[in-house]
Amino acid sequence: MKILVIGQGGREHALVWKIAQSPLVEQIYCLPGNPGIAKLANCPSVAFRSDTSDFSQLAEFAQGEGIDLTVIGPEDPLANGIVDVFESYELPVFGPNKRAAIIEASKDFAKGLMSKYNIPTAKYQTFEQADEAIAYVEDLAQPVFVKADGLAAGKGAIPGITTLEAIKAIQRVLVDRDFGSAGQKVVIEELMEGEEASFTVLTDGSDIVVLPTSQDHKRALDNDQGQNTGGMGAYSPAPVITPELHQQVMESIVRPTIDGMKVEGRPYKGVLYVGLMITDQGPKVVEYNCRFGDPETQVLLPRIKSDLIPAFTACINGTLAQVEIELSSEAAVCVVMASGGYPQRYQTGRPIVGLESLPPTEQPTVFHAGTATSQNGDLITNGGRVLGITALGHDIQTAVECAYRGVSNINFDQAHYRTDIAHRAIEHVK
């Protein structure tokens, strides 16, 4: 089979890495790709923008190359209808269509779906006018989250612990338009207390296959301080999801979500990521994502023993009931090395050294997220999140130690990373 992967980050590198292990695959293409991906896949120069609905050039490329399956990594092209375009060319494509991808593209839609189908989540209200939103938080007088309705690269959820913080967040979204068109509406929801976890499934619109649980670290600094980021690290499994909670999540959240989308005339096919908060009242939904998480994918895929190509194909063909996924008992940890200043202003073009000198034993896997090749052929930084250092171990602590040994061997100017990835998991098993 010829496989095309769309995307250029750490998630897509992990997908290409896993797909390359399939005996069914003879050639992989990735657009636009990155230097790490280019070691495993052909990354031709085919220009496209993910923030447009015109994906005809990509579809024509896939058609001309005889691509048997396309896997979409990021949320933007999914929300903008890339699956619909590929399907119009009769090209098999893994991911939800535009009508289904709205589950991530609009937080207001997602909250409405949860409300309609009694899926547990935080109480909320949606506003388009800043004065109405401000009056609401002043009257509420309790901690909230202020969320831009649309896609904001994982940075559109702003905590408002005090009323003043909430008002400033509302102004950022609705007045200053810090998130552009994603901030045409704002969703204000009560701040939930508990521990977060990520629950990821594959679905063909009816049947569901559950992938490993995981937990990411959103805040930029140790001890969950600093600003929200796209993710500074992750681990799997998430001990907070006990077998009892696992069943509860399936019965009260995942199954009603898939069934509800079908009733709404938006059958959901592909991967569904459910961000959870484990509260004293049980698991509640923080958010839905219509694609694999990043950096969660970097710890999920190394723990999956099975070939994923048959599973992806089954999601498209409606035959997922025939698929079983075998998981490794090992734990996985990913530490993200980021550019200094991320998620705010940062510099790129810094040479990256040490990748070739990683220890030969227990060698972690390095997934490229924001890298490029200089004119001299050197590897340089090219984004906020630069590398994801992922390691397996017989338990979380062992995986953590291996991942950080990898981190200690890699360097670039102003490299920043958290030193406490997986601390919650380690606390759970003490």
Protein backbone atom coordinates (compact mmCIF):
# COMPACT_ATOMS: atom_id res chain seq x y z
CA MET A 1 0.00 0.00 0.00
CA LYS A 2 0.96 3.60 -0.55
CA ILE A 3 0.13 5.82 2.43
CA LEU A 4 -0.08 9.61 2.60
CA VAL A 5 0.10 11.40 5.95
CA ILE A 6 -0.90 15.06 6.17
CA GLY A 7 0.95 17.19 8.75
CA GLN A 8 4.39 18.22 9.94
CA GLY A 9 4.58 17.90 13.73
CA GLY A 10 5.49 15.39 16.38
CA ARG A 11 2.11 13.69 16.09
CA GLU A 12 2.63 13.12 12.37
CA HIS A 13 6.19 11.88 12.91
CA ALA A 14 4.79 9.32 15.38
CA LEU A 15 2.10 8.29 12.88
CA VAL A 16 4.65 7.86 10.09
CA TRP A 17 6.94 5.93 12.47
CA LYS A 18 4.12 3.54 13.36
CA ILE A 19 2.81 3.19 9.80
CA ALA A 20 6.35 2.37 8.58
CA GLN A 21 6.26 -0.77 10.77
CA SER A 22 3.29 -2.20 8.84
CA PRO A 23 4.09 -5.10 6.47
CA LEU A 24 1.20 -3.86 4.33
CA VAL A 25 2.97 -0.59 3.52
CA GLU A 26 5.43 -0.27 0.66
CA GLN A 27 5.77 3.53 0.49
CA ILE A 28 4.89 6.50 2.70
CA TYR A 29 4.45 10.12 1.66
CA CYS A 30 4.06 12.99 4.11
CA LEU A 31 3.04 16.57 3.35
CA PRO A 32 4.65 18.82 4.31
CA GLY A 33 6.64 16.64 6.73
CA ASN A 34 9.82 17.57 8.63
CA PRO A 35 13.46 16.39 8.71
CA GLY A 36 12.67 13.53 11.10
CA ILE A 37 9.75 12.34 9.01
CA ALA A 38 11.87 12.59 5.86
CA LYS A 39 14.02 9.70 7.13
CA LEU A 40 10.97 7.44 6.87
CA ALA A 41 8.82 9.00 4.16
CA ASN A 42 8.97 10.89 0.89
CA CYS A 43 8.17 14.56 1.56
CA PRO A 44 7.60 16.13 -1.88
CA SER A 45 7.11 19.85 -2.38
CA VAL A 46 3.35 20.15 -2.79
CA ALA A 47 2.15 23.53 -1.55
CA PHE A 48 -1.06 23.66 0.44
CA ARG A 49 -2.68 25.59 3.27
CA SER A 50 -4.59 23.91 6.09
CA ASP A 51 -6.63 27.06 6.77
CA THR A 52 -8.45 26.84 3.44
CA SER A 53 -11.13 24.57 2.04
CA ASP A 54 -9.36 24.13 -1.30
CA PHE A 55 -7.60 20.79 -1.00
CA SER A 56 -7.95 19.82 -4.65
CA GLN A 57 -4.20 20.02 -5.30
CA LEU A 58 -3.55 17.56 -2.49
CA ALA A 59 -6.27 15.22 -3.73
CA GLU A 60 -4.88 15.36 -7.26
CA PHE A 61 -1.42 14.54 -5.91
CA ALA A 62 -2.82 11.53 -4.04
CA GLN A 63 -4.72 10.41 -7.11
CA GLY A 64 -1.69 10.77 -9.35
CA GLU A 65 0.57 8.81 -6.98
CA GLY A 66 -1.97 6.01 -6.53
CA ILE A 67 -2.31 6.60 -2.78
CA ASP A 68 -4.29 3.80 -1.11
CA LEU A 69 -4.94 5.55 2.21
CA THR A 70 -4.55 9.11 3.48
CA VAL A 71 -4.24 9.81 7.21
CA ILE A 72 -4.99 13.36 8.37
CA GLY A 73 -2.99 14.56 11.38
CA PRO A 74 -3.98 18.14 12.35
CA GLU A 75 -7.41 19.51 13.19
CA ASP A 76 -7.43 22.52 10.85
CA PRO A 77 -7.69 20.61 7.55
CA LEU A 78 -10.30 18.29 9.10
CA ALA A 79 -12.40 21.24 10.24
CA ASN A 80 -12.04 22.80 6.79
CA GLY A 81 -13.29 19.73 4.95
CA ILE A 82 -10.24 17.89 3.61
CA VAL A 83 -11.99 14.53 4.10
CA ASP A 84 -14.98 15.71 2.05
CA VAL A 85 -12.66 16.75 -0.80
CA PHE A 86 -10.74 13.46 -0.79
CA GLU A 87 -13.99 11.50 -0.70
CA SER A 88 -15.23 13.46 -3.71
CA TYR A 89 -12.15 12.14 -5.53
CA GLU A 90 -13.04 8.61 -4.29
CA LEU A 91 -9.84 8.49 -2.26
CA PRO A 92 -9.88 6.48 1.03
CA VAL A 93 -9.15 8.91 3.87
CA PHE A 94 -8.95 8.41 7.64
CA GLY A 95 -10.62 11.14 9.67
CA PRO A 96 -14.03 12.73 10.28
CA ASN A 97 -15.66 14.85 7.57
CA LYS A 98 -16.35 18.54 8.09
CA ARG A 99 -19.81 18.04 9.62
CA ALA A 100 -18.38 15.63 12.19
CA ALA A 101 -15.14 17.58 12.85
CA ILE A 102 -17.28 20.40 14.24
CA ILE A 103 -17.10 18.48 17.52
CA GLU A 104 -13.68 20.12 17.95
CA ALA A 105 -14.07 23.11 15.64
CA SER A 106 -16.85 24.61 17.80
CA LYS A 107 -16.83 24.32 21.57
CA ASP A 108 -20.35 25.72 21.60
CA PHE A 109 -21.52 22.85 19.36
CA ALA A 110 -19.71 20.31 21.54
CA LYS A 111 -21.24 21.67 24.74
CA GLY A 112 -24.67 21.68 23.14
CA LEU A 113 -24.22 18.05 22.11
CA MET A 114 -23.23 17.09 25.64
CA SER A 115 -26.18 18.95 27.09
CA LYS A 116 -28.66 17.33 24.68
CA TYR A 117 -27.43 13.78 25.29
CA ASN A 118 -26.77 14.10 29.03
CA ILE A 119 -23.03 13.69 28.72
CA PRO A 120 -21.37 14.94 31.93
CA THR A 121 -19.45 18.19 31.55
CA ALA A 122 -19.06 21.57 33.24
CA LYS A 123 -21.98 24.01 33.30
CA TYR A 124 -21.56 26.69 30.65
CA GLN A 125 -22.94 29.66 28.74
CA THR A 126 -22.00 30.98 25.28
CA PHE A 127 -21.74 34.66 24.39
CA GLU A 128 -21.01 36.77 21.33
CA GLN A 129 -21.06 40.14 23.09
CA ALA A 130 -18.36 41.06 25.60
CA ASP A 131 -20.62 43.13 27.85
CA GLU A 132 -23.05 40.23 28.28
CA ALA A 133 -20.22 37.81 29.02
CA ILE A 134 -18.67 40.19 31.55
CA ALA A 135 -22.01 40.68 33.30
CA TYR A 136 -22.38 36.90 33.50
CA VAL A 137 -19.00 36.29 35.20
CA GLU A 138 -19.56 39.24 37.55
CA ASP A 139 -22.88 37.76 38.61
CA LEU A 140 -21.44 34.24 38.83
CA ALA A 141 -18.51 35.36 41.03
CA GLN A 142 -16.69 32.01 40.91
CA PRO A 143 -13.67 30.56 39.07
CA VAL A 144 -14.34 29.84 35.39
CA PHE A 145 -12.65 28.88 32.15
CA VAL A 146 -13.01 31.30 29.26
CA LYS A 147 -12.72 29.47 25.92
CA ALA A 148 -12.60 30.76 22.37
CA ASP A 149 -15.27 28.86 20.46
CA GLY A 150 -13.11 27.86 17.49
CA LEU A 151 -9.71 26.29 16.88
CA ALA A 152 -6.88 28.07 18.68
CA ALA A 153 -3.97 25.59 18.55
CA GLY A 154 -4.68 24.40 22.09
CA LYS A 155 -4.20 27.86 23.55
CA GLY A 156 -7.77 29.19 23.50
CA ALA A 157 -8.77 28.04 27.00
CA ILE A 158 -7.95 30.71 29.58
CA PRO A 159 -8.44 30.20 33.33
CA GLY A 160 -10.29 32.95 35.15
CA ILE A 161 -9.65 32.18 38.80
CA THR A 162 -10.78 35.66 39.79
CA THR A 163 -13.53 37.72 38.20
CA LEU A 164 -10.93 40.23 36.99
CA GLU A 165 -8.94 37.47 35.28
CA ALA A 166 -12.13 36.21 33.63
CA ILE A 167 -12.99 39.70 32.37
CA LYS A 168 -9.50 40.15 30.91
CA ALA A 169 -9.83 36.77 29.18
CA ILE A 170 -13.21 37.74 27.71
CA GLN A 171 -11.70 40.95 26.38
CA ARG A 172 -8.81 39.03 24.82
CA VAL A 173 -11.23 36.79 22.95
CA LEU A 174 -14.15 39.05 22.01
CA VAL A 175 -12.61 42.55 21.99
CA ASP A 176 -8.90 42.24 21.21
CA ARG A 177 -9.53 39.24 18.90
CA ASP A 178 -6.34 37.55 20.05
CA PHE A 179 -7.62 34.31 18.52
CA GLY A 180 -8.96 35.78 15.29
CA SER A 181 -12.04 34.14 13.82
CA ALA A 182 -11.87 31.44 16.49
CA GLY A 183 -13.02 34.07 18.96
CA GLN A 184 -16.31 35.09 17.36
CA LYS A 185 -17.99 33.43 20.33
CA VAL A 186 -16.79 32.69 23.82
CA VAL A 187 -17.78 29.72 25.97
CA ILE A 188 -17.65 30.34 29.71
CA GLU A 189 -17.77 27.26 31.87
CA GLU A 190 -17.38 26.50 35.54
CA LEU A 191 -13.87 25.54 36.58
CA MET A 192 -13.81 21.81 37.33
CA GLU A 193 -11.63 20.42 40.08
CA GLY A 194 -9.86 17.11 39.64
CA GLU A 195 -7.21 15.35 37.58
CA GLU A 196 -7.20 15.43 33.79
CA ALA A 197 -6.77 12.41 31.54
CA SER A 198 -7.01 11.67 27.82
CA PHE A 199 -9.28 8.92 26.49
CA THR A 200 -8.76 8.03 22.83
CA VAL A 201 -10.85 5.72 20.66
CA LEU A 202 -11.17 4.67 17.03
CA THR A 203 -14.68 4.47 15.58
CA ASP A 204 -16.40 3.69 12.30
CA GLY A 205 -19.49 5.60 13.41
CA SER A 206 -20.99 2.61 15.22
CA ASP A 207 -18.34 0.34 16.70
CA ILE A 208 -15.55 1.54 18.96
CA VAL A 209 -12.01 0.35 19.68
CA VAL A 210 -10.34 1.86 22.73
CA LEU A 211 -6.67 2.90 22.60
CA PRO A 212 -4.40 3.35 25.66
CA THR A 213 -5.23 6.04 28.20
CA SER A 214 -2.80 8.91 28.62
CA GLN A 215 -2.28 12.25 30.30
CA ASP A 216 -0.55 15.34 28.94
CA HIS A 217 0.95 18.37 30.64
CA LYS A 218 -0.52 21.59 29.28
CA ARG A 219 1.25 24.19 31.41
CA ALA A 220 4.64 25.48 30.33
CA LEU A 221 6.37 25.21 33.70
CA ASP A 222 6.92 22.63 36.43
CA ASN A 223 4.18 22.05 39.01
CA ASP A 224 1.61 23.00 36.36
CA GLN A 225 2.55 26.67 36.47
CA GLY A 226 2.79 29.12 33.58
CA GLN A 227 0.70 29.49 30.47
CA ASN A 228 -1.22 26.82 28.62
CA THR A 229 0.69 25.29 25.72
CA GLY A 230 0.01 22.71 23.05
CA GLY A 231 1.50 20.18 25.48
CA MET A 232 4.88 19.87 27.22
CA GLY A 233 4.87 16.12 27.65
CA ALA A 234 2.69 13.07 28.15
CA TYR A 235 2.60 9.59 29.59
CA SER A 236 0.62 6.39 29.17
CA PRO A 237 -1.17 4.66 30.80
CA ALA A 238 -2.95 7.15 33.08
CA PRO A 239 -3.35 5.41 36.47
CA VAL A 240 -6.19 7.78 37.39
CA ILE A 241 -8.39 5.85 34.91
CA THR A 242 -9.22 2.75 36.92
CA PRO A 243 -11.07 -0.17 35.30
CA GLU A 244 -14.28 1.08 36.91
CA LEU A 245 -13.77 4.60 35.57
CA HIS A 246 -12.86 3.16 32.16
CA GLN A 247 -16.25 1.47 31.95
CA GLN A 248 -18.00 4.58 33.20
CA VAL A 249 -16.33 6.75 30.55
CA MET A 250 -17.39 4.35 27.82
CA GLU A 251 -20.99 4.12 29.02
CA SER A 252 -21.67 7.73 30.01
CA ILE A 253 -19.43 9.64 27.59
CA VAL A 254 -17.96 7.83 24.58
CA ARG A 255 -20.94 5.71 23.54
CA PRO A 256 -23.49 8.55 23.93
CA THR A 257 -21.18 10.86 21.95
CA ILE A 258 -20.84 8.50 18.98
CA ASP A 259 -24.55 7.63 19.05
CA GLY A 260 -25.53 11.29 19.44
CA MET A 261 -23.45 12.36 16.46
CA LYS A 262 -25.18 9.71 14.35
CA VAL A 263 -28.62 10.93 15.47
CA GLU A 264 -27.59 14.50 14.59
CA GLY A 265 -26.82 13.40 11.04
CA ARG A 266 -23.09 13.80 11.62
CA PRO A 267 -21.79 10.19 11.74
CA TYR A 268 -18.31 10.24 13.23
CA LYS A 269 -15.52 8.16 11.68
CA GLY A 270 -11.87 8.28 12.67
CA VAL A 271 -10.18 8.94 15.97
CA LEU A 272 -12.01 10.68 18.81
CA TYR A 273 -9.97 12.14 21.63
CA VAL A 274 -11.91 12.92 24.79
CA GLY A 275 -10.23 15.21 27.30
CA LEU A 276 -11.53 14.25 30.75
CA MET A 277 -11.59 15.75 34.21
CA ILE A 278 -11.87 13.12 36.93
CA THR A 279 -13.95 14.95 39.53
CA ASP A 280 -15.50 13.87 42.84
CA GLN A 281 -18.74 13.45 40.89
CA GLY A 282 -17.09 11.18 38.33
CA PRO A 283 -15.53 11.76 34.89
CA LYS A 284 -16.62 14.85 32.96
CA VAL A 285 -15.70 16.07 29.48
CA VAL A 286 -13.28 18.98 29.22
CA GLU A 287 -13.10 18.91 25.41
CA TYR A 288 -13.34 16.76 22.32
CA ASN A 289 -10.64 16.57 19.67
CA CYS A 290 -11.34 15.20 16.19
CA ARG A 291 -7.79 13.84 15.77
CA PHE A 292 -4.95 12.26 17.70
CA GLY A 293 -3.56 14.36 20.52
CA ASP A 294 -0.12 15.93 20.45
CA PRO A 295 2.00 14.89 22.37
CA GLU A 296 -0.32 12.05 23.46
CA THR A 297 0.18 10.25 20.14
CA GLN A 298 3.89 9.99 20.90
CA VAL A 299 3.11 7.79 23.94
CA LEU A 300 0.05 5.97 22.56
CA LEU A 301 1.52 4.53 19.37
CA PRO A 302 4.67 2.99 20.95
CA ARG A 303 2.33 1.02 23.27
CA ILE A 304 0.27 -0.44 20.41
CA LYS A 305 1.61 -3.77 19.17
CA SER A 306 -0.95 -4.19 16.39
CA ASP A 307 -0.69 -2.92 12.83
CA LEU A 308 -2.87 0.19 12.66
CA ILE A 309 -3.44 0.17 8.90
CA PRO A 310 -6.24 -2.46 9.09
CA ALA A 311 -7.85 -0.46 11.91
CA PHE A 312 -7.73 2.81 9.95
CA THR A 313 -9.20 1.09 6.91
CA ALA A 314 -11.93 -0.51 9.02
CA CYS A 315 -12.96 2.91 10.36
CA ILE A 316 -13.52 4.02 6.78
CA ASN A 317 -15.29 0.84 5.64
CA GLY A 318 -17.51 0.36 8.69
CA THR A 319 -15.88 -2.94 9.69
CA LEU A 320 -14.22 -1.96 12.97
CA ALA A 321 -16.09 -4.72 14.83
CA GLN A 322 -13.68 -7.16 13.16
CA VAL A 323 -10.57 -5.40 14.53
CA GLU A 324 -8.74 -6.06 17.79
CA ILE A 325 -5.86 -3.95 19.07
CA GLU A 326 -3.09 -5.58 21.11
CA LEU A 327 -1.40 -3.32 23.65
CA SER A 328 2.00 -3.50 25.33
CA SER A 329 2.13 -3.71 29.13
CA GLU A 330 5.02 -1.23 29.11
CA ALA A 331 4.58 2.41 30.07
CA ALA A 332 5.57 5.30 27.80
CA VAL A 333 6.73 8.83 28.60
CA CYS A 334 7.34 11.77 26.25
CA VAL A 335 9.24 14.89 27.28
CA VAL A 336 8.85 17.88 24.95
CA MET A 337 11.90 20.07 24.35
CA ALA A 338 10.67 23.54 23.39
CA SER A 339 12.17 26.84 22.28
CA GLY A 340 12.81 29.29 25.08
CA GLY A 341 9.86 31.69 25.38
CA TYR A 342 7.26 29.23 24.10
CA PRO A 343 4.22 29.54 24.07
CA GLN A 344 4.88 33.26 23.61
CA ARG A 345 7.60 34.76 21.45
CA TYR A 346 10.59 32.57 20.70
CA GLN A 347 13.44 32.41 18.20
CA THR A 348 14.07 29.72 15.62
CA GLY A 349 17.11 28.67 13.60
CA ARG A 350 19.08 27.38 16.61
CA PRO A 351 21.35 24.39 15.79
CA ILE A 352 20.32 21.12 17.45
CA VAL A 353 23.15 18.86 18.64
CA GLY A 354 23.36 15.52 20.41
CA LEU A 355 20.84 13.42 18.50
CA GLU A 356 23.58 11.19 17.15
CA SER A 357 25.14 10.61 20.58
CA LEU A 358 22.10 9.20 22.38
CA PRO A 359 22.94 6.08 24.45
CA PRO A 360 22.74 2.91 22.34
CA THR A 361 21.02 1.02 25.18
CA GLU A 362 17.47 1.96 26.19
CA GLN A 363 17.64 4.53 23.40
CA PRO A 364 14.53 6.74 23.40
CA THR A 365 12.70 7.56 20.20
CA VAL A 366 12.98 11.19 19.12
CA PHE A 367 9.95 12.61 17.34
CA HIS A 368 10.56 15.85 15.47
CA ALA A 369 7.93 18.54 16.04
CA GLY A 370 9.43 21.88 15.01
CA THR A 371 12.66 21.25 13.13
CA ALA A 372 14.14 22.20 9.78
CA THR A 373 17.36 21.77 7.84
CA SER A 374 19.63 24.78 7.35
CA GLN A 375 21.27 25.69 4.06
CA ASN A 376 24.38 23.93 5.36
CA GLY A 377 22.41 20.76 6.01
CA ASP A 378 22.37 21.16 9.80
CA LEU A 379 19.31 20.39 11.92
CA ILE A 380 17.85 23.58 13.42
CA THR A 381 14.84 24.61 15.50
CA ASN A 382 11.79 25.70 13.54
CA GLY A 383 8.92 25.97 16.01
CA GLY A 384 7.79 26.34 19.60
CA ARG A 385 7.77 22.66 20.39
CA VAL A 386 10.93 21.25 18.82
CA LEU A 387 11.39 17.60 19.81
CA GLY A 388 9.50 14.92 21.72
CA ILE A 389 11.80 12.48 23.53
CA THR A 390 9.80 9.27 24.07
CA ALA A 391 10.84 6.21 26.05
CA LEU A 392 9.29 2.91 27.09
CA GLY A 393 9.84 1.16 30.40
CA HIS A 394 8.39 -1.64 32.50
CA ASP A 395 6.83 1.09 34.65
CA ILE A 396 6.34 4.86 34.51
CA GLN A 397 9.41 5.65 36.65
CA THR A 398 11.70 3.62 34.39
CA ALA A 399 10.29 5.29 31.28
CA VAL A 400 10.71 8.74 32.87
CA GLU A 401 14.37 8.06 33.66
CA CYS A 402 15.07 6.83 30.14
CA ALA A 403 13.33 9.82 28.52
CA TYR A 404 15.26 12.33 30.62
CA ARG A 405 18.56 10.57 29.87
CA GLY A 406 17.73 11.21 26.23
CA VAL A 407 16.91 14.85 26.94
CA SER A 408 20.24 15.34 28.75
CA ASN A 409 22.10 14.33 25.59
CA ILE A 410 20.36 16.85 23.31
CA ASN A 411 20.97 20.58 23.27
CA PHE A 412 20.03 23.77 21.46
CA ASP A 413 20.31 27.36 22.61
CA GLN A 414 17.59 28.30 25.13
CA ALA A 415 16.08 24.80 25.11
CA HIS A 416 13.23 24.58 27.61
CA TYR A 417 11.51 21.52 29.04
CA ARG A 418 9.64 20.52 32.15
CA THR A 419 11.46 18.35 34.67
CA ASP A 420 8.37 16.80 36.25
CA ILE A 421 6.64 14.95 33.40
CA ALA A 422 4.49 12.06 34.72
CA HIS A 423 4.72 13.25 38.33
CA ARG A 424 1.03 12.48 38.90
CA ALA A 425 1.40 8.93 37.64
CA ILE A 426 4.39 8.36 39.94
CA GLU A 427 2.38 9.70 42.88
CA HIS A 428 -0.47 7.30 42.06
CA VAL A 429 1.76 4.24 42.32
CA LYS A 430 3.61 5.24 45.49
